Protein backbone atom coordinates (compact mmCIF):
# COMPACT_ATOMS: atom_id res chain seq x y z
CA UNK A 1 -118.56 -103.68 -55.54
CA UNK A 2 -119.41 -105.56 -58.74
CA UNK A 3 -117.30 -108.69 -59.43
CA UNK A 4 -116.46 -109.15 -63.09
CA UNK A 5 -119.22 -106.73 -63.98
CA UNK A 6 -121.77 -108.86 -62.12
CA UNK A 7 -123.78 -107.60 -59.20
CA UNK A 8 -122.29 -108.88 -55.95
CA UNK A 9 -124.30 -109.04 -52.71
CA UNK A 10 -122.63 -109.68 -49.38
CA UNK A 11 -125.36 -111.50 -47.22
CA UNK A 12 -124.71 -112.27 -43.57
CA UNK A 13 -126.67 -112.74 -40.33
CA UNK A 14 -125.57 -109.92 -38.14
CA UNK A 15 -125.75 -110.52 -34.43
CA UNK A 16 -128.26 -108.47 -32.47
CA UNK A 17 -128.75 -107.67 -28.92
CA UNK A 18 -132.22 -107.06 -27.36
CA UNK A 19 -131.81 -104.61 -24.46
CA UNK A 20 -134.82 -104.07 -22.29
CA UNK A 21 -133.72 -100.28 -21.99
CA UNK A 22 -132.42 -99.43 -25.38
CA UNK A 23 -134.27 -101.96 -27.55
CA UNK A 24 -132.83 -104.14 -30.33
CA UNK A 25 -129.23 -103.13 -31.31
CA UNK A 26 -127.33 -104.57 -34.35
CA UNK A 27 -123.65 -105.12 -33.93
CA UNK A 28 -121.64 -102.96 -36.44
CA UNK A 29 -119.93 -104.67 -39.32
CA UNK A 30 -116.51 -103.64 -40.62
CA UNK A 31 -117.53 -103.54 -44.25
CA UNK A 32 -120.46 -101.17 -44.11
CA UNK A 33 -121.80 -98.09 -42.35
CA UNK A 34 -124.91 -98.43 -40.07
CA UNK A 35 -128.28 -98.82 -41.91
CA UNK A 36 -126.57 -98.15 -45.33
CA UNK A 37 -127.25 -101.42 -47.12
CA UNK A 38 -123.98 -100.96 -49.09
CA UNK A 39 -120.36 -101.90 -48.51
CA UNK A 40 -118.07 -98.95 -47.78
CA UNK A 41 -116.20 -99.52 -51.06
CA UNK A 42 -119.47 -99.45 -53.09
CA UNK A 43 -120.57 -96.35 -51.32
CA UNK A 44 -117.31 -94.68 -52.14
CA UNK A 45 -117.71 -95.68 -55.78
CA UNK A 46 -121.28 -94.26 -55.71
CA UNK A 47 -119.99 -90.92 -54.37
CA UNK A 48 -117.49 -90.87 -57.33
CA UNK A 49 -120.28 -91.48 -59.83
CA UNK A 50 -122.42 -88.85 -58.10
CA UNK A 51 -119.63 -86.34 -58.31
CA UNK A 52 -119.30 -86.79 -62.05
CA UNK A 53 -122.95 -87.50 -62.97
CA UNK A 54 -125.30 -84.61 -64.10
CA UNK A 55 -127.88 -85.49 -61.56
CA UNK A 56 -129.00 -87.99 -58.94
CA UNK A 57 -131.38 -89.67 -61.48
CA UNK A 58 -128.40 -90.19 -63.95
CA UNK A 59 -126.19 -91.58 -61.15
CA UNK A 60 -129.00 -93.99 -60.08
CA UNK A 61 -129.28 -95.20 -63.63
CA UNK A 62 -125.49 -95.76 -63.86
CA UNK A 63 -125.33 -97.59 -60.55
CA UNK A 64 -128.47 -99.68 -61.09
CA UNK A 65 -130.05 -98.28 -57.89
CA UNK A 66 -133.26 -96.36 -57.10
CA UNK A 67 -133.24 -92.60 -56.77
CA UNK A 68 -133.95 -92.87 -53.05
CA UNK A 69 -131.04 -95.19 -52.55
CA UNK A 70 -128.59 -92.77 -54.25
CA UNK A 71 -130.03 -89.66 -52.55
CA UNK A 72 -129.57 -91.50 -49.18
CA UNK A 73 -125.87 -92.11 -50.14
CA UNK A 74 -125.51 -88.39 -50.96
CA UNK A 75 -127.07 -87.27 -47.63
CA UNK A 76 -124.82 -89.69 -45.63
CA UNK A 77 -121.89 -88.21 -47.48
CA UNK A 78 -122.80 -84.59 -46.61
CA UNK A 79 -123.47 -85.52 -43.07
CA UNK A 80 -119.99 -87.22 -42.88
CA UNK A 81 -118.42 -84.11 -44.47
CA UNK A 82 -120.02 -81.57 -42.16
CA UNK A 83 -119.08 -83.67 -39.06
CA UNK A 84 -115.49 -83.68 -40.21
CA UNK A 85 -115.34 -80.01 -41.47
CA UNK A 86 -112.87 -77.85 -39.54
CA UNK A 87 -113.86 -74.17 -39.42
CA UNK A 88 -110.39 -72.83 -38.86
CA UNK A 89 -109.62 -69.12 -39.16
CA UNK A 90 -112.47 -67.58 -41.18
CA UNK A 91 -111.60 -64.12 -42.35
CA UNK A 92 -113.78 -63.27 -45.34
CA UNK A 93 -117.34 -64.51 -45.92
CA UNK A 94 -119.85 -63.88 -48.74
CA UNK A 95 -123.56 -63.75 -48.52
CA UNK A 96 -125.71 -64.06 -51.56
CA UNK A 97 -129.23 -65.06 -52.60
CA UNK A 98 -130.23 -67.76 -55.17
CA UNK A 99 -133.60 -68.35 -56.65
CA UNK A 100 -135.02 -71.64 -55.48
CA UNK A 101 -138.53 -72.28 -56.89
CA UNK A 102 -141.04 -70.35 -59.05
CA UNK A 103 -141.73 -66.66 -58.36
CA UNK A 104 -139.97 -64.87 -55.50
CA UNK A 105 -138.69 -67.99 -53.76
CA UNK A 106 -135.06 -67.71 -52.51
CA UNK A 107 -132.44 -69.29 -50.56
CA UNK A 108 -129.46 -67.64 -48.86
CA UNK A 109 -126.02 -68.96 -49.45
CA UNK A 110 -123.03 -68.38 -47.14
CA UNK A 111 -119.61 -68.97 -48.70
CA UNK A 112 -116.06 -68.70 -47.57
CA UNK A 113 -114.26 -66.25 -49.86
CA UNK A 114 -110.75 -67.44 -49.22
CA UNK A 115 -111.44 -71.16 -49.68
CA UNK A 116 -114.10 -70.85 -52.46
CA UNK A 117 -116.57 -73.18 -50.74
CA UNK A 118 -120.23 -72.99 -49.58
CA UNK A 119 -120.49 -73.10 -45.80
CA UNK A 120 -124.41 -73.34 -45.45
CA UNK A 121 -127.61 -72.78 -47.25
CA UNK A 122 -131.01 -71.80 -45.64
CA UNK A 123 -134.49 -70.99 -46.82
CA UNK A 124 -135.49 -67.42 -47.65
CA UNK A 125 -133.43 -64.25 -47.74
CA UNK A 126 -134.82 -62.54 -44.55
CA UNK A 127 -133.02 -61.26 -41.50
CA UNK A 128 -133.99 -64.38 -39.65
CA UNK A 129 -132.52 -66.55 -42.52
CA UNK A 130 -129.20 -64.60 -42.31
CA UNK A 131 -129.24 -65.12 -38.50
CA UNK A 132 -129.55 -68.90 -39.00
CA UNK A 133 -126.56 -68.89 -41.37
CA UNK A 134 -124.40 -66.94 -38.79
CA UNK A 135 -125.44 -69.30 -36.02
CA UNK A 136 -123.99 -72.29 -37.98
CA UNK A 137 -120.53 -70.76 -37.22
CA UNK A 138 -119.29 -71.15 -33.65
CA UNK A 139 -119.11 -67.81 -31.77
CA UNK A 140 -115.48 -68.09 -31.21
CA UNK A 141 -114.86 -68.36 -34.96
CA UNK A 142 -117.19 -65.48 -35.84
CA UNK A 143 -115.00 -62.98 -33.91
CA UNK A 144 -112.17 -63.51 -36.44
CA UNK A 145 -114.23 -62.46 -39.48
CA UNK A 146 -112.95 -59.18 -40.76
CA UNK A 147 -115.41 -58.39 -43.60
CA UNK A 148 -118.47 -59.78 -45.27
CA UNK A 149 -119.20 -59.20 -48.96
CA UNK A 150 -122.77 -58.90 -49.99
CA UNK A 151 -125.39 -57.13 -52.09
CA UNK A 152 -127.07 -54.05 -50.55
CA UNK A 153 -129.90 -56.14 -49.19
CA UNK A 154 -131.05 -54.70 -45.90
CA UNK A 155 -131.83 -58.04 -44.16
CA UNK A 156 -128.27 -59.30 -44.78
CA UNK A 157 -126.74 -56.01 -43.55
CA UNK A 158 -128.76 -55.78 -40.42
CA UNK A 159 -128.17 -59.45 -39.50
CA UNK A 160 -124.34 -59.05 -40.02
CA UNK A 161 -124.15 -55.95 -37.91
CA UNK A 162 -126.01 -57.70 -35.15
CA UNK A 163 -124.29 -61.00 -35.25
CA UNK A 164 -120.78 -59.85 -36.28
CA UNK A 165 -120.48 -56.38 -34.94
CA UNK A 166 -116.75 -56.25 -35.44
CA UNK A 167 -116.87 -57.07 -39.19
CA UNK A 168 -117.00 -54.64 -42.16
CA UNK A 169 -119.89 -54.91 -44.65
CA UNK A 170 -118.40 -54.82 -48.12
CA UNK A 171 -120.70 -54.04 -51.04
CA UNK A 172 -119.91 -56.26 -53.99
CA UNK A 173 -118.65 -54.34 -57.06
CA UNK A 174 -120.18 -56.80 -59.46
CA UNK A 175 -123.67 -56.04 -58.05
CA UNK A 176 -122.92 -52.27 -58.14
CA UNK A 177 -121.99 -52.45 -61.87
CA UNK A 178 -125.02 -54.44 -62.46
CA UNK A 179 -127.20 -51.74 -60.96
CA UNK A 180 -125.50 -49.15 -63.13
CA UNK A 181 -125.97 -51.42 -66.24
CA UNK A 182 -129.63 -51.75 -65.56
CA UNK A 183 -129.91 -48.09 -65.34
CA UNK A 184 -128.15 -47.48 -68.66
CA UNK A 185 -130.55 -49.89 -70.24
CA UNK A 186 -133.58 -47.95 -68.72
CA UNK A 187 -132.14 -44.71 -70.39
CA UNK A 188 -131.78 -46.69 -73.64
CA UNK A 189 -135.28 -47.93 -73.76
CA UNK A 190 -136.88 -44.64 -72.97
CA UNK A 191 -134.71 -42.85 -75.56
CA UNK A 192 -135.37 -45.62 -78.10
CA UNK A 193 -139.19 -45.06 -77.68
CA UNK A 194 -138.80 -41.28 -78.08
CA UNK A 195 -136.66 -41.64 -81.13
CA UNK A 196 -138.94 -44.32 -82.57
CA UNK A 197 -142.00 -41.94 -82.34
CA UNK A 198 -139.93 -39.42 -84.43
CA UNK A 199 -139.10 -42.15 -87.04
CA UNK A 200 -135.56 -42.60 -85.83
CA UNK A 201 -134.54 -46.22 -85.17
CA UNK A 202 -130.81 -45.65 -84.57
CA UNK A 203 -130.98 -47.43 -81.20
CA UNK A 204 -132.99 -50.43 -82.36
CA UNK A 205 -131.19 -53.71 -81.56
CA UNK A 206 -128.47 -52.12 -79.71
CA UNK A 207 -129.14 -53.33 -76.14
CA UNK A 208 -126.22 -55.70 -75.80
CA UNK A 209 -123.80 -53.05 -77.18
CA UNK A 210 -124.38 -50.96 -74.09
CA UNK A 211 -124.36 -53.81 -71.72
CA UNK A 212 -121.37 -55.76 -73.05
CA UNK A 213 -117.86 -55.02 -71.66
CA UNK A 214 -116.15 -52.78 -74.19
CA UNK A 215 -113.10 -55.02 -74.03
CA UNK A 216 -115.28 -57.71 -75.62
CA UNK A 217 -116.67 -55.59 -78.52
CA UNK A 218 -116.03 -56.79 -82.01
CA UNK A 219 -114.97 -54.52 -84.79
CA UNK A 220 -118.62 -53.84 -85.96
CA UNK A 221 -119.59 -52.95 -82.47
CA UNK A 222 -116.69 -50.57 -82.05
CA UNK A 223 -117.62 -48.86 -85.38
CA UNK A 224 -121.26 -48.58 -84.25
CA UNK A 225 -120.29 -47.06 -80.77
CA UNK A 226 -118.13 -44.40 -82.50
CA UNK A 227 -121.07 -43.27 -84.66
CA UNK A 228 -123.29 -43.23 -81.62
CA UNK A 229 -120.93 -41.01 -79.72
CA UNK A 230 -121.25 -38.39 -82.55
CA UNK A 231 -125.08 -38.43 -82.14
CA UNK A 232 -125.00 -36.86 -78.55
CA UNK A 233 -127.36 -39.54 -77.36
CA UNK A 234 -128.60 -39.79 -73.73
CA UNK A 235 -127.68 -43.43 -73.58
CA UNK A 236 -124.07 -42.53 -74.48
CA UNK A 237 -123.80 -40.11 -71.54
CA UNK A 238 -125.42 -42.76 -69.35
CA UNK A 239 -122.89 -45.29 -70.53
CA UNK A 240 -119.97 -42.86 -69.78
CA UNK A 241 -121.30 -42.43 -66.29
CA UNK A 242 -121.23 -46.22 -65.71
CA UNK A 243 -117.80 -46.64 -67.27
CA UNK A 244 -116.32 -43.81 -65.18
CA UNK A 245 -117.37 -45.43 -61.86
CA UNK A 246 -115.08 -48.35 -62.73
CA UNK A 247 -112.28 -46.00 -61.69
CA UNK A 248 -113.40 -46.04 -58.16
CA UNK A 249 -112.38 -49.70 -57.62
CA UNK A 250 -108.79 -48.91 -58.46
CA UNK A 251 -108.19 -46.91 -55.24
CA UNK A 252 -106.25 -48.46 -52.35
CA UNK A 253 -107.07 -45.71 -49.77
CA UNK A 254 -110.38 -44.59 -48.60
CA UNK A 255 -109.74 -40.80 -48.65
CA UNK A 256 -108.98 -40.41 -52.39
CA UNK A 257 -111.65 -42.98 -53.19
CA UNK A 258 -114.14 -40.79 -51.25
CA UNK A 259 -113.00 -37.75 -53.22
CA UNK A 260 -113.46 -39.67 -56.63
CA UNK A 261 -116.93 -40.69 -55.54
CA UNK A 262 -117.95 -37.10 -54.62
CA UNK A 263 -116.90 -35.72 -58.06
CA UNK A 264 -118.66 -38.64 -59.82
CA UNK A 265 -121.78 -38.19 -57.75
CA UNK A 266 -121.93 -34.44 -58.57
CA UNK A 267 -121.63 -35.26 -62.35
CA UNK A 268 -124.38 -37.85 -62.13
CA UNK A 269 -126.90 -35.76 -60.11
CA UNK A 270 -126.52 -32.92 -62.65
CA UNK A 271 -126.96 -35.33 -65.67
CA UNK A 272 -130.73 -35.20 -65.81
CA UNK A 273 -130.84 -38.89 -66.35
CA UNK A 274 -133.28 -40.22 -63.78
CA UNK A 275 -132.30 -43.87 -63.69
CA UNK A 276 -128.56 -43.02 -63.21
CA UNK A 277 -129.48 -40.47 -60.48
CA UNK A 278 -131.48 -43.10 -58.80
CA UNK A 279 -128.69 -45.58 -58.60
CA UNK A 280 -126.12 -42.80 -57.59
CA UNK A 281 -128.28 -41.83 -54.66
CA UNK A 282 -128.58 -45.58 -53.60
CA UNK A 283 -124.76 -45.88 -53.72
CA UNK A 284 -124.40 -42.79 -51.60
CA UNK A 285 -126.61 -44.29 -49.00
CA UNK A 286 -124.31 -47.28 -48.92
CA UNK A 287 -121.13 -45.32 -49.35
CA UNK A 288 -119.30 -46.93 -46.37
CA UNK A 289 -119.80 -50.41 -47.80
CA UNK A 290 -118.25 -49.25 -50.99
CA UNK A 291 -115.31 -47.64 -49.20
CA UNK A 292 -114.91 -50.88 -47.17
CA UNK A 293 -114.06 -52.57 -50.61
CA UNK A 294 -111.07 -50.21 -50.88
CA UNK A 295 -109.91 -51.48 -47.44
CA UNK A 296 -110.48 -55.22 -47.82
CA UNK A 297 -110.66 -55.73 -51.74
CA UNK A 298 -112.96 -58.61 -51.59
CA UNK A 299 -115.91 -59.32 -53.84
CA UNK A 300 -118.65 -61.89 -54.27
CA UNK A 301 -116.93 -63.18 -57.21
CA UNK A 302 -116.53 -66.52 -55.52
CA UNK A 303 -120.22 -66.55 -54.61
CA UNK A 304 -121.00 -65.72 -58.29
CA UNK A 305 -118.96 -68.54 -59.41
CA UNK A 306 -120.62 -70.91 -57.00
CA UNK A 307 -124.06 -69.54 -58.09
CA UNK A 308 -123.19 -70.55 -61.64
CA UNK A 309 -122.40 -74.02 -60.42
CA UNK A 310 -125.55 -74.21 -58.40
CA UNK A 311 -127.55 -73.07 -61.40
CA UNK A 312 -125.99 -76.05 -63.32
CA UNK A 313 -126.94 -78.43 -60.54
CA UNK A 314 -130.49 -77.10 -60.52
CA UNK A 315 -130.92 -77.20 -64.24
CA UNK A 316 -129.46 -80.78 -64.45
CA UNK A 317 -132.04 -81.90 -61.84
CA UNK A 318 -134.70 -80.01 -63.69
CA UNK A 319 -135.35 -78.07 -60.53
CA UNK A 320 -135.93 -78.99 -56.89
CA UNK A 321 -139.32 -79.21 -55.22
CA UNK A 322 -137.71 -80.14 -51.80
CA UNK A 323 -135.42 -77.61 -50.21
CA UNK A 324 -133.58 -80.25 -48.25
CA UNK A 325 -132.52 -82.12 -51.38
CA UNK A 326 -131.51 -78.75 -52.97
CA UNK A 327 -129.34 -77.95 -49.85
CA UNK A 328 -127.74 -81.41 -49.87
CA UNK A 329 -126.82 -81.14 -53.50
CA UNK A 330 -125.24 -77.74 -53.03
CA UNK A 331 -123.20 -78.80 -50.19
CA UNK A 332 -122.20 -82.10 -51.81
CA UNK A 333 -120.92 -80.37 -54.97
CA UNK A 334 -119.79 -76.94 -53.64
CA UNK A 335 -118.91 -77.48 -49.99
CA UNK A 336 -115.44 -79.02 -50.58
CA UNK A 337 -116.29 -81.49 -47.88
CA UNK A 338 -114.48 -84.81 -47.03
CA UNK A 339 -117.42 -87.07 -47.97
CA UNK A 340 -115.82 -90.49 -48.39
CA UNK A 341 -116.64 -93.30 -45.93
């Protein structure tokens, strides 16, 4: 640690042994970790700075160290935290994807729903990637997992059914409502083009009205919506279909929830709105995952919150070219690990 704001260096000749079998060995010292180059107190201070700084680069500037030195401190901290982490009873897990680099480059993130922490991050979003995630949890801990919240991504579902056959797959309601919202927007865009060709621009600039939660509408938006309902627009019907599905999440028993879904599905499939029909058919194919929500009532809200935090980490670092550095940063900030020396 600095003394009176001056850099303080502890310099000492550490005894070494030269073993013909194991080579040269340095005797450990009580004030520093092996090969760290920093006292334990300074390393703890550096971890505090890393926790509060926007990025490794900013922490390095504040600490007066190089980027490599601070990155090494972070890596040792995560290594310590993972070695100390106790995976006690794990009941609910979330699987989600996160964009990594440019284009279709993804990582898969496993989180523990109950504790709100990231358990592991791996490259890609394939079945093999999901397998690697599951294999980070000891087999005796996996058997206690009751359900896994995820999107309708086939690779995640297949891997979960193979690795955790006793767990239920729960499709996340946030993703379901997102699919329905995207379908509403497709209906709006098509109808806007058709009306525009006839010289009617009533839907121009209304995109966010249809996508925003009605609870967050301002007075002007409420007035606009009332006028749209009187016009018998296709997008109004699509919006009603999406809003009505929200009632599905209020059921606590699978049988009445199934009945609700059947009535809703009949309505949608007779609506002649192709985007909405497409999403309805997709939901029907994954109906058991929707009904499992009624049973377990878990969502990927924790994963979505962690994703927001991960996005901030990524933005502050101005992106990551190295996956290992990306993983270390996520686990450091989102793993709830005991990282101090």
